[in-house]
Amino acid sequence: MNLLIIRLIIFAALFYAGLKLYGMYRQRKLAHQQQTPPRHEGGRMVRCRWCDVHVPESEALRDAEQWFCCIAHRDRFLQEQEDSQR
């Protein structure tokens, strides 16, 4: 009878340790998933007319037939075009 209680206590301790380890594993896995940026699967890449950096078409700005990575580069390019036409 005494041996049965000892085995039951050991089994409960191992089960508890296993649950704790599994919980730590899940927390680490979720933290790692939150740190990694989402990947852009598929989609066309376009080149910024100002800096030649490639960005996904869904994130790029389009002005006529020109592509830009941000508003600042679009504005600089258009300003330069106006200055060169004067």
PDB file of N, CA and C in Angstrom:
ATOM      1  N   MET A   1       0.818  -1.190   0.000  1.00  0.00           N
ATOM      2  CA  MET A   1       0.000   0.000   0.000  1.00  0.00           C
ATOM      3  C   MET A   1       0.864   1.256   0.000  1.00  0.00           C
ATOM      4  N   ASN A   2       1.920   1.242   0.780  1.00  0.00           N
ATOM      5  CA  ASN A   2       2.845   2.355   0.863  1.00  0.00           C
ATOM      6  C   ASN A   2       3.539   2.597  -0.478  1.00  0.00           C
ATOM      7  N   LEU A   3       3.913   1.527  -1.148  1.00  0.00           N
ATOM      8  CA  LEU A   3       4.583   1.606  -2.445  1.00  0.00           C
ATOM      9  C   LEU A   3       3.641   2.190  -3.503  1.00  0.00           C
ATOM     10  N   LEU A   4       2.363   1.876  -3.423  1.00  0.00           N
ATOM     11  CA  LEU A   4       1.380   2.391  -4.367  1.00  0.00           C
ATOM     12  C   LEU A   4       1.248   3.917  -4.233  1.00  0.00           C
ATOM     13  N   ILE A   5       1.255   4.425  -3.038  1.00  0.00           N
ATOM     14  CA  ILE A   5       1.156   5.875  -2.814  1.00  0.00           C
ATOM     15  C   ILE A   5       2.409   6.571  -3.336  1.00  0.00           C
ATOM     16  N   ILE A   6       3.570   5.984  -3.146  1.00  0.00           N
ATOM     17  CA  ILE A   6       4.824   6.571  -3.646  1.00  0.00           C
ATOM     18  C   ILE A   6       4.800   6.623  -5.169  1.00  0.00           C
ATOM     19  N   ARG A   7       4.355   5.539  -5.797  1.00  0.00           N
ATOM     20  CA  ARG A   7       4.271   5.518  -7.268  1.00  0.00           C
ATOM     21  C   ARG A   7       3.277   6.582  -7.768  1.00  0.00           C
ATOM     22  N   LEU A   8       2.177   6.717  -7.074  1.00  0.00           N
ATOM     23  CA  LEU A   8       1.171   7.709  -7.461  1.00  0.00           C
ATOM     24  C   LEU A   8       1.740   9.127  -7.335  1.00  0.00           C
ATOM     25  N   ILE A   9       2.478   9.407  -6.297  1.00  0.00           N
ATOM     26  CA  ILE A   9       3.094  10.725  -6.111  1.00  0.00           C
ATOM     27  C   ILE A   9       4.132  10.987  -7.195  1.00  0.00           C
ATOM     28  N   ILE A  10       4.951   9.996  -7.514  1.00  0.00           N
ATOM     29  CA  ILE A  10       5.969  10.147  -8.574  1.00  0.00           C
ATOM     30  C   ILE A  10       5.287  10.391  -9.919  1.00  0.00           C
ATOM     31  N   PHE A  11       4.234   9.623 -10.222  1.00  0.00           N
ATOM     32  CA  PHE A  11       3.513   9.814 -11.480  1.00  0.00           C
ATOM     33  C   PHE A  11       2.906  11.213 -11.555  1.00  0.00           C
ATOM     34  N   ALA A  12       2.306  11.684 -10.467  1.00  0.00           N
ATOM     35  CA  ALA A  12       1.702  13.015 -10.451  1.00  0.00           C
ATOM     36  C   ALA A  12       2.768  14.096 -10.643  1.00  0.00           C
ATOM     37  N   ALA A  13       3.940  13.921 -10.022  1.00  0.00           N
ATOM     38  CA  ALA A  13       5.027  14.896 -10.165  1.00  0.00           C
ATOM     39  C   ALA A  13       5.542  14.922 -11.602  1.00  0.00           C
ATOM     40  N   LEU A  14       5.698  13.757 -12.210  1.00  0.00           N
ATOM     41  CA  LEU A  14       6.149  13.699 -13.608  1.00  0.00           C
ATOM     42  C   LEU A  14       5.110  14.311 -14.548  1.00  0.00           C
ATOM     43  N   PHE A  15       3.838  14.039 -14.289  1.00  0.00           N
ATOM     44  CA  PHE A  15       2.777  14.609 -15.110  1.00  0.00           C
ATOM     45  C   PHE A  15       2.760  16.136 -14.992  1.00  0.00           C
ATOM     46  N   TYR A  16       2.899  16.637 -13.777  1.00  0.00           N
ATOM     47  CA  TYR A  16       2.940  18.086 -13.544  1.00  0.00           C
ATOM     48  C   TYR A  16       4.152  18.716 -14.243  1.00  0.00           C
ATOM     49  N   ALA A  17       5.322  18.092 -14.154  1.00  0.00           N
ATOM     50  CA  ALA A  17       6.532  18.604 -14.809  1.00  0.00           C
ATOM     51  C   ALA A  17       6.346  18.607 -16.332  1.00  0.00           C
ATOM     52  N   GLY A  18       5.713  17.569 -16.858  1.00  0.00           N
ATOM     53  CA  GLY A  18       5.453  17.501 -18.293  1.00  0.00           C
ATOM     54  C   GLY A  18       4.529  18.619 -18.749  1.00  0.00           C
ATOM     55  N   LEU A  19       3.494  18.896 -17.988  1.00  0.00           N
ATOM     56  CA  LEU A  19       2.595  19.995 -18.331  1.00  0.00           C
ATOM     57  C   LEU A  19       3.310  21.337 -18.296  1.00  0.00           C
ATOM     58  N   LYS A  20       4.165  21.541 -17.302  1.00  0.00           N
ATOM     59  CA  LYS A  20       4.928  22.799 -17.212  1.00  0.00           C
ATOM     60  C   LYS A  20       5.866  22.957 -18.407  1.00  0.00           C
ATOM     61  N   LEU A  21       6.566  21.880 -18.772  1.00  0.00           N
ATOM     62  CA  LEU A  21       7.469  21.946 -19.927  1.00  0.00           C
ATOM     63  C   LEU A  21       6.700  22.226 -21.213  1.00  0.00           C
ATOM     64  N   TYR A  22       5.542  21.599 -21.381  1.00  0.00           N
ATOM     65  CA  TYR A  22       4.729  21.840 -22.569  1.00  0.00           C
ATOM     66  C   TYR A  22       4.250  23.292 -22.619  1.00  0.00           C
ATOM     67  N   GLY A  23       3.853  23.845 -21.484  1.00  0.00           N
ATOM     68  CA  GLY A  23       3.433  25.245 -21.428  1.00  0.00           C
ATOM     69  C   GLY A  23       4.570  26.194 -21.791  1.00  0.00           C
ATOM     70  N   MET A  24       5.791  25.895 -21.289  1.00  0.00           N
ATOM     71  CA  MET A  24       6.944  26.737 -21.628  1.00  0.00           C
ATOM     72  C   MET A  24       7.249  26.649 -23.121  1.00  0.00           C
ATOM     73  N   TYR A  25       7.127  25.453 -23.699  1.00  0.00           N
ATOM     74  CA  TYR A  25       7.362  25.259 -25.133  1.00  0.00           C
ATOM     75  C   TYR A  25       6.356  26.075 -25.951  1.00  0.00           C
ATOM     76  N   ARG A  26       5.088  26.043 -25.577  1.00  0.00           N
ATOM     77  CA  ARG A  26       4.063  26.798 -26.317  1.00  0.00           C
ATOM     78  C   ARG A  26       4.284  28.296 -26.213  1.00  0.00           C
ATOM     79  N   GLN A  27       4.666  28.792 -25.040  1.00  0.00           N
ATOM     80  CA  GLN A  27       4.929  30.220 -24.877  1.00  0.00           C
ATOM     81  C   GLN A  27       6.095  30.654 -25.752  1.00  0.00           C
ATOM     82  N   ARG A  28       7.152  29.873 -25.780  1.00  0.00           N
ATOM     83  CA  ARG A  28       8.324  30.204 -26.598  1.00  0.00           C
ATOM     84  C   ARG A  28       7.966  30.179 -28.081  1.00  0.00           C
ATOM     85  N   LYS A  29       7.171  29.186 -28.480  1.00  0.00           N
ATOM     86  CA  LYS A  29       6.764  29.085 -29.883  1.00  0.00           C
ATOM     87  C   LYS A  29       5.908  30.279 -30.294  1.00  0.00           C
ATOM     88  N   LEU A  30       4.965  30.685 -29.442  1.00  0.00           N
ATOM     89  CA  LEU A  30       4.114  31.838 -29.750  1.00  0.00           C
ATOM     90  C   LEU A  30       4.928  33.129 -29.786  1.00  0.00           C
ATOM     91  N   ALA A  31       5.884  33.283 -28.876  1.00  0.00           N
ATOM     92  CA  ALA A  31       6.727  34.479 -28.868  1.00  0.00           C
ATOM     93  C   ALA A  31       7.570  34.544 -30.138  1.00  0.00           C
ATOM     94  N   HIS A  32       8.067  33.407 -30.592  1.00  0.00           N
ATOM     95  CA  HIS A  32       8.879  33.375 -31.812  1.00  0.00           C
ATOM     96  C   HIS A  32       8.027  33.720 -33.031  1.00  0.00           C
ATOM     97  N   GLN A  33       6.793  33.236 -33.064  1.00  0.00           N
ATOM     98  CA  GLN A  33       5.916  33.541 -34.193  1.00  0.00           C
ATOM     99  C   GLN A  33       5.569  35.018 -34.233  1.00  0.00           C
ATOM    100  N   GLN A  34       5.445  35.665 -33.087  1.00  0.00           N
ATOM    101  CA  GLN A  34       5.111  37.081 -33.048  1.00  0.00           C
ATOM    102  C   GLN A  34       6.300  37.940 -33.447  1.00  0.00           C
ATOM    103  N   GLN A  35       7.524  37.463 -33.231  1.00  0.00           N
ATOM    104  CA  GLN A  35       8.715  38.238 -33.561  1.00  0.00           C
ATOM    105  C   GLN A  35       9.040  38.194 -35.033  1.00  0.00           C
ATOM    106  N   THR A  36       8.743  37.104 -35.698  1.00  0.00           N
ATOM    107  CA  THR A  36       9.073  36.991 -37.107  1.00  0.00           C
ATOM    108  C   THR A  36       8.061  37.773 -37.933  1.00  0.00           C
ATOM    109  N   PRO A  37       8.533  38.617 -38.841  1.00  0.00           N
ATOM    110  CA  PRO A  37       7.603  39.389 -39.665  1.00  0.00           C
ATOM    111  C   PRO A  37       6.878  38.483 -40.653  1.00  0.00           C
ATOM    112  N   PRO A  38       5.684  38.841 -41.029  1.00  0.00           N
ATOM    113  CA  PRO A  38       4.954  38.024 -41.987  1.00  0.00           C
ATOM    114  C   PRO A  38       5.633  38.048 -43.349  1.00  0.00           C
ATOM    115  N   ARG A  39       5.643  36.924 -44.000  1.00  0.00           N
ATOM    116  CA  ARG A  39       6.264  36.830 -45.315  1.00  0.00           C
ATOM    117  C   ARG A  39       5.229  37.142 -46.383  1.00  0.00           C
ATOM    118  N   HIS A  40       5.677  37.769 -47.421  1.00  0.00           N
ATOM    119  CA  HIS A  40       4.803  38.067 -48.549  1.00  0.00           C
ATOM    120  C   HIS A  40       4.975  36.941 -49.556  1.00  0.00           C
ATOM    121  N   GLU A  41       3.983  36.123 -49.635  1.00  0.00           N
ATOM    122  CA  GLU A  41       4.021  35.009 -50.561  1.00  0.00           C
ATOM    123  C   GLU A  41       3.462  35.463 -51.903  1.00  0.00           C
ATOM    124  N   GLY A  42       4.223  35.223 -52.936  1.00  0.00           N
ATOM    125  CA  GLY A  42       3.767  35.578 -54.273  1.00  0.00           C
ATOM    126  C   GLY A  42       3.688  37.079 -54.464  1.00  0.00           C
ATOM    127  N   GLY A  43       2.984  37.486 -55.443  1.00  0.00           N
ATOM    128  CA  GLY A  43       2.849  38.916 -55.701  1.00  0.00           C
ATOM    129  C   GLY A  43       4.021  39.422 -56.533  1.00  0.00           C
ATOM    130  N   ARG A  44       3.785  40.489 -57.241  1.00  0.00           N
ATOM    131  CA  ARG A  44       4.787  41.067 -58.127  1.00  0.00           C
ATOM    132  C   ARG A  44       5.613  42.097 -57.374  1.00  0.00           C
ATOM    133  N   MET A  45       6.897  42.142 -57.646  1.00  0.00           N
ATOM    134  CA  MET A  45       7.793  43.127 -57.061  1.00  0.00           C
ATOM    135  C   MET A  45       8.019  44.231 -58.091  1.00  0.00           C
ATOM    136  N   VAL A  46       8.013  45.470 -57.624  1.00  0.00           N
ATOM    137  CA  VAL A  46       8.257  46.614 -58.501  1.00  0.00           C
ATOM    138  C   VAL A  46       9.422  47.418 -57.937  1.00  0.00           C
ATOM    139  N   ARG A  47      10.083  48.163 -58.797  1.00  0.00           N
ATOM    140  CA  ARG A  47      11.258  48.935 -58.401  1.00  0.00           C
ATOM    141  C   ARG A  47      10.898  50.401 -58.212  1.00  0.00           C
ATOM    142  N   CYS A  48      11.358  50.953 -57.088  1.00  0.00           N
ATOM    143  CA  CYS A  48      11.149  52.372 -56.822  1.00  0.00           C
ATOM    144  C   CYS A  48      11.944  53.174 -57.847  1.00  0.00           C
ATOM    145  N   ARG A  49      11.301  54.133 -58.458  1.00  0.00           N
ATOM    146  CA  ARG A  49      11.940  54.954 -59.490  1.00  0.00           C
ATOM    147  C   ARG A  49      13.056  55.821 -58.907  1.00  0.00           C
ATOM    148  N   TRP A  50      12.940  56.189 -57.634  1.00  0.00           N
ATOM    149  CA  TRP A  50      13.930  57.081 -57.022  1.00  0.00           C
ATOM    150  C   TRP A  50      15.147  56.330 -56.494  1.00  0.00           C
ATOM    151  N   CYS A  51      14.937  55.267 -55.714  1.00  0.00           N
ATOM    152  CA  CYS A  51      16.059  54.610 -55.032  1.00  0.00           C
ATOM    153  C   CYS A  51      16.357  53.205 -55.544  1.00  0.00           C
ATOM    154  N   ASP A  52      15.612  52.699 -56.498  1.00  0.00           N
ATOM    155  CA  ASP A  52      15.797  51.372 -57.098  1.00  0.00           C
ATOM    156  C   ASP A  52      15.622  50.209 -56.124  1.00  0.00           C
ATOM    157  N   VAL A  53      14.910  50.421 -55.039  1.00  0.00           N
ATOM    158  CA  VAL A  53      14.612  49.340 -54.104  1.00  0.00           C
ATOM    159  C   VAL A  53      13.367  48.620 -54.580  1.00  0.00           C
ATOM    160  N   HIS A  54      13.383  47.293 -54.516  1.00  0.00           N
ATOM    161  CA  HIS A  54      12.220  46.507 -54.912  1.00  0.00           C
ATOM    162  C   HIS A  54      11.268  46.369 -53.723  1.00  0.00           C
ATOM    163  N   VAL A  55       9.994  46.627 -53.973  1.00  0.00           N
ATOM    164  CA  VAL A  55       8.950  46.490 -52.955  1.00  0.00           C
ATOM    165  C   VAL A  55       7.773  45.733 -53.567  1.00  0.00           C
ATOM    166  N   PRO A  56       6.981  45.057 -52.750  1.00  0.00           N
ATOM    167  CA  PRO A  56       5.795  44.384 -53.289  1.00  0.00           C
ATOM    168  C   PRO A  56       4.831  45.396 -53.901  1.00  0.00           C
ATOM    169  N   GLU A  57       4.226  45.016 -54.979  1.00  0.00           N
ATOM    170  CA  GLU A  57       3.316  45.918 -55.687  1.00  0.00           C
ATOM    171  C   GLU A  57       2.181  46.377 -54.778  1.00  0.00           C
ATOM    172  N   SER A  58       1.764  45.519 -53.860  1.00  0.00           N
ATOM    173  CA  SER A  58       0.657  45.883 -52.972  1.00  0.00           C
ATOM    174  C   SER A  58       1.046  46.983 -51.982  1.00  0.00           C
ATOM    175  N   GLU A  59       2.347  47.173 -51.727  1.00  0.00           N
ATOM    176  CA  GLU A  59       2.803  48.199 -50.787  1.00  0.00           C
ATOM    177  C   GLU A  59       3.371  49.431 -51.491  1.00  0.00           C
ATOM    178  N   ALA A  60       3.527  49.367 -52.793  1.00  0.00           N
ATOM    179  CA  ALA A  60       4.154  50.461 -53.537  1.00  0.00           C
ATOM    180  C   ALA A  60       3.131  51.530 -53.907  1.00  0.00           C
ATOM    181  N   LEU A  61       3.642  52.724 -54.180  1.00  0.00           N
ATOM    182  CA  LEU A  61       2.813  53.835 -54.646  1.00  0.00           C
ATOM    183  C   LEU A  61       2.995  53.962 -56.152  1.00  0.00           C
ATOM    184  N   ARG A  62       1.917  54.245 -56.845  1.00  0.00           N
ATOM    185  CA  ARG A  62       1.992  54.351 -58.301  1.00  0.00           C
ATOM    186  C   ARG A  62       1.593  55.754 -58.724  1.00  0.00           C
ATOM    187  N   ASP A  63       2.408  56.331 -59.597  1.00  0.00           N
ATOM    188  CA  ASP A  63       2.107  57.639 -60.162  1.00  0.00           C
ATOM    189  C   ASP A  63       2.309  57.502 -61.664  1.00  0.00           C
ATOM    190  N   ALA A  64       1.231  57.524 -62.419  1.00  0.00           N
ATOM    191  CA  ALA A  64       1.245  57.266 -63.865  1.00  0.00           C
ATOM    192  C   ALA A  64       1.819  55.856 -64.064  1.00  0.00           C
ATOM    193  N   GLU A  65       2.940  55.732 -64.744  1.00  0.00           N
ATOM    194  CA  GLU A  65       3.562  54.424 -64.954  1.00  0.00           C
ATOM    195  C   GLU A  65       4.788  54.238 -64.072  1.00  0.00           C
ATOM    196  N   GLN A  66       4.963  55.081 -63.086  1.00  0.00           N
ATOM    197  CA  GLN A  66       6.124  55.050 -62.197  1.00  0.00           C
ATOM    198  C   GLN A  66       5.723  54.409 -60.867  1.00  0.00           C
ATOM    199  N   TRP A  67       6.643  53.660 -60.278  1.00  0.00           N
ATOM    200  CA  TRP A  67       6.425  53.048 -58.968  1.00  0.00           C
ATOM    201  C   TRP A  67       7.374  53.669 -57.958  1.00  0.00           C
ATOM    202  N   PHE A  68       6.909  53.834 -56.714  1.00  0.00           N
ATOM    203  CA  PHE A  68       7.719  54.414 -55.641  1.00  0.00           C
ATOM    204  C   PHE A  68       7.508  53.618 -54.362  1.00  0.00           C
ATOM    205  N   CYS A  69       8.557  53.605 -53.519  1.00  0.00           N
ATOM    206  CA  CYS A  69       8.462  52.857 -52.265  1.00  0.00           C
ATOM    207  C   CYS A  69       7.799  53.668 -51.159  1.00  0.00           C
ATOM    208  N   CYS A  70       7.822  55.004 -51.270  1.00  0.00           N
ATOM    209  CA  CYS A  70       7.199  55.835 -50.236  1.00  0.00           C
ATOM    210  C   CYS A  70       6.804  57.184 -50.842  1.00  0.00           C
ATOM    211  N   ILE A  71       6.052  57.931 -50.081  1.00  0.00           N
ATOM    212  CA  ILE A  71       5.567  59.235 -50.546  1.00  0.00           C
ATOM    213  C   ILE A  71       6.719  60.214 -50.733  1.00  0.00           C
ATOM    214  N   ALA A  72       7.694  60.162 -49.831  1.00  0.00           N
ATOM    215  CA  ALA A  72       8.826  61.091 -49.909  1.00  0.00           C
ATOM    216  C   ALA A  72       9.602  60.907 -51.217  1.00  0.00           C
ATOM    217  N   HIS A  73       9.819  59.668 -51.637  1.00  0.00           N
ATOM    218  CA  HIS A  73      10.548  59.430 -52.883  1.00  0.00           C
ATOM    219  C   HIS A  73       9.733  59.858 -54.092  1.00  0.00           C
ATOM    220  N   ARG A  74       8.421  59.645 -54.025  1.00  0.00           N
ATOM    221  CA  ARG A  74       7.578  60.111 -55.127  1.00  0.00           C
ATOM    222  C   ARG A  74       7.653  61.632 -55.252  1.00  0.00           C
ATOM    223  N   ASP A  75       7.555  62.318 -54.118  1.00  0.00           N
ATOM    224  CA  ASP A  75       7.593  63.776 -54.142  1.00  0.00           C
ATOM    225  C   ASP A  75       8.941  64.302 -54.627  1.00  0.00           C
ATOM    226  N   ARG A  76      10.023  63.684 -54.189  1.00  0.00           N
ATOM    227  CA  ARG A  76      11.361  64.112 -54.645  1.00  0.00           C
ATOM    228  C   ARG A  76      11.517  63.921 -56.147  1.00  0.00           C
ATOM    229  N   PHE A  77      11.052  62.768 -56.632  1.00  0.00           N
ATOM    230  CA  PHE A  77      11.174  62.494 -58.061  1.00  0.00           C
ATOM    231  C   PHE A  77      10.361  63.495 -58.871  1.00  0.00           C
ATOM    232  N   LEU A  78       9.138  63.773 -58.462  1.00  0.00           N
ATOM    233  CA  LEU A  78       8.298  64.722 -59.193  1.00  0.00           C
ATOM    234  C   LEU A  78       8.876  66.134 -59.131  1.00  0.00           C
ATOM    235  N   GLN A  79       9.440  66.500 -57.970  1.00  0.00           N
ATOM    236  CA  GLN A  79      10.072  67.814 -57.838  1.00  0.00           C
ATOM    237  C   GLN A  79      11.273  67.918 -58.770  1.00  0.00           C
ATOM    238  N   GLU A  80      12.058  66.865 -58.849  1.00  0.00           N
ATOM    239  CA  GLU A  80      13.224  66.874 -59.740  1.00  0.00           C
ATOM    240  C   GLU A  80      12.787  66.966 -61.196  1.00  0.00           C
ATOM    241  N   GLN A  81      11.703  66.292 -61.546  1.00  0.00           N
ATOM    242  CA  GLN A  81      11.190  66.365 -62.904  1.00  0.00           C
ATOM    243  C   GLN A  81      10.732  67.787 -63.250  1.00  0.00           C
ATOM    244  N   GLU A  82      10.074  68.442 -62.304  1.00  0.00           N
ATOM    245  CA  GLU A  82       9.627  69.829 -62.535  1.00  0.00           C
ATOM    246  C   GLU A  82      10.826  70.769 -62.684  1.00  0.00           C
ATOM    247  N   ASP A  83      11.843  70.581 -61.839  1.00  0.00           N
ATOM    248  CA  ASP A  83      13.032  71.433 -61.912  1.00  0.00           C
ATOM    249  C   ASP A  83      13.779  71.260 -63.241  1.00  0.00           C
ATOM    250  N   SER A  84      13.820  70.029 -63.744  1.00  0.00           N
ATOM    251  CA  SER A  84      14.541  69.783 -64.989  1.00  0.00           C
ATOM    252  C   SER A  84      13.769  70.306 -66.207  1.00  0.00           C
ATOM    253  N   GLN A  85      12.449  70.448 -66.094  1.00  0.00           N
ATOM    254  CA  GLN A  85      11.659  70.949 -67.207  1.00  0.00           C
ATOM    255  C   GLN A  85      11.712  72.479 -67.294  1.00  0.00           C
ATOM    256  N   ARG A  86      12.136  73.146 -66.256  1.00  0.00           N
ATOM    257  CA  ARG A  86      12.195  74.621 -66.267  1.00  0.00           C
ATOM    258  C   ARG A  86      13.381  75.128 -66.979  1.00  0.00           C
TER     259      ARG A  86
END
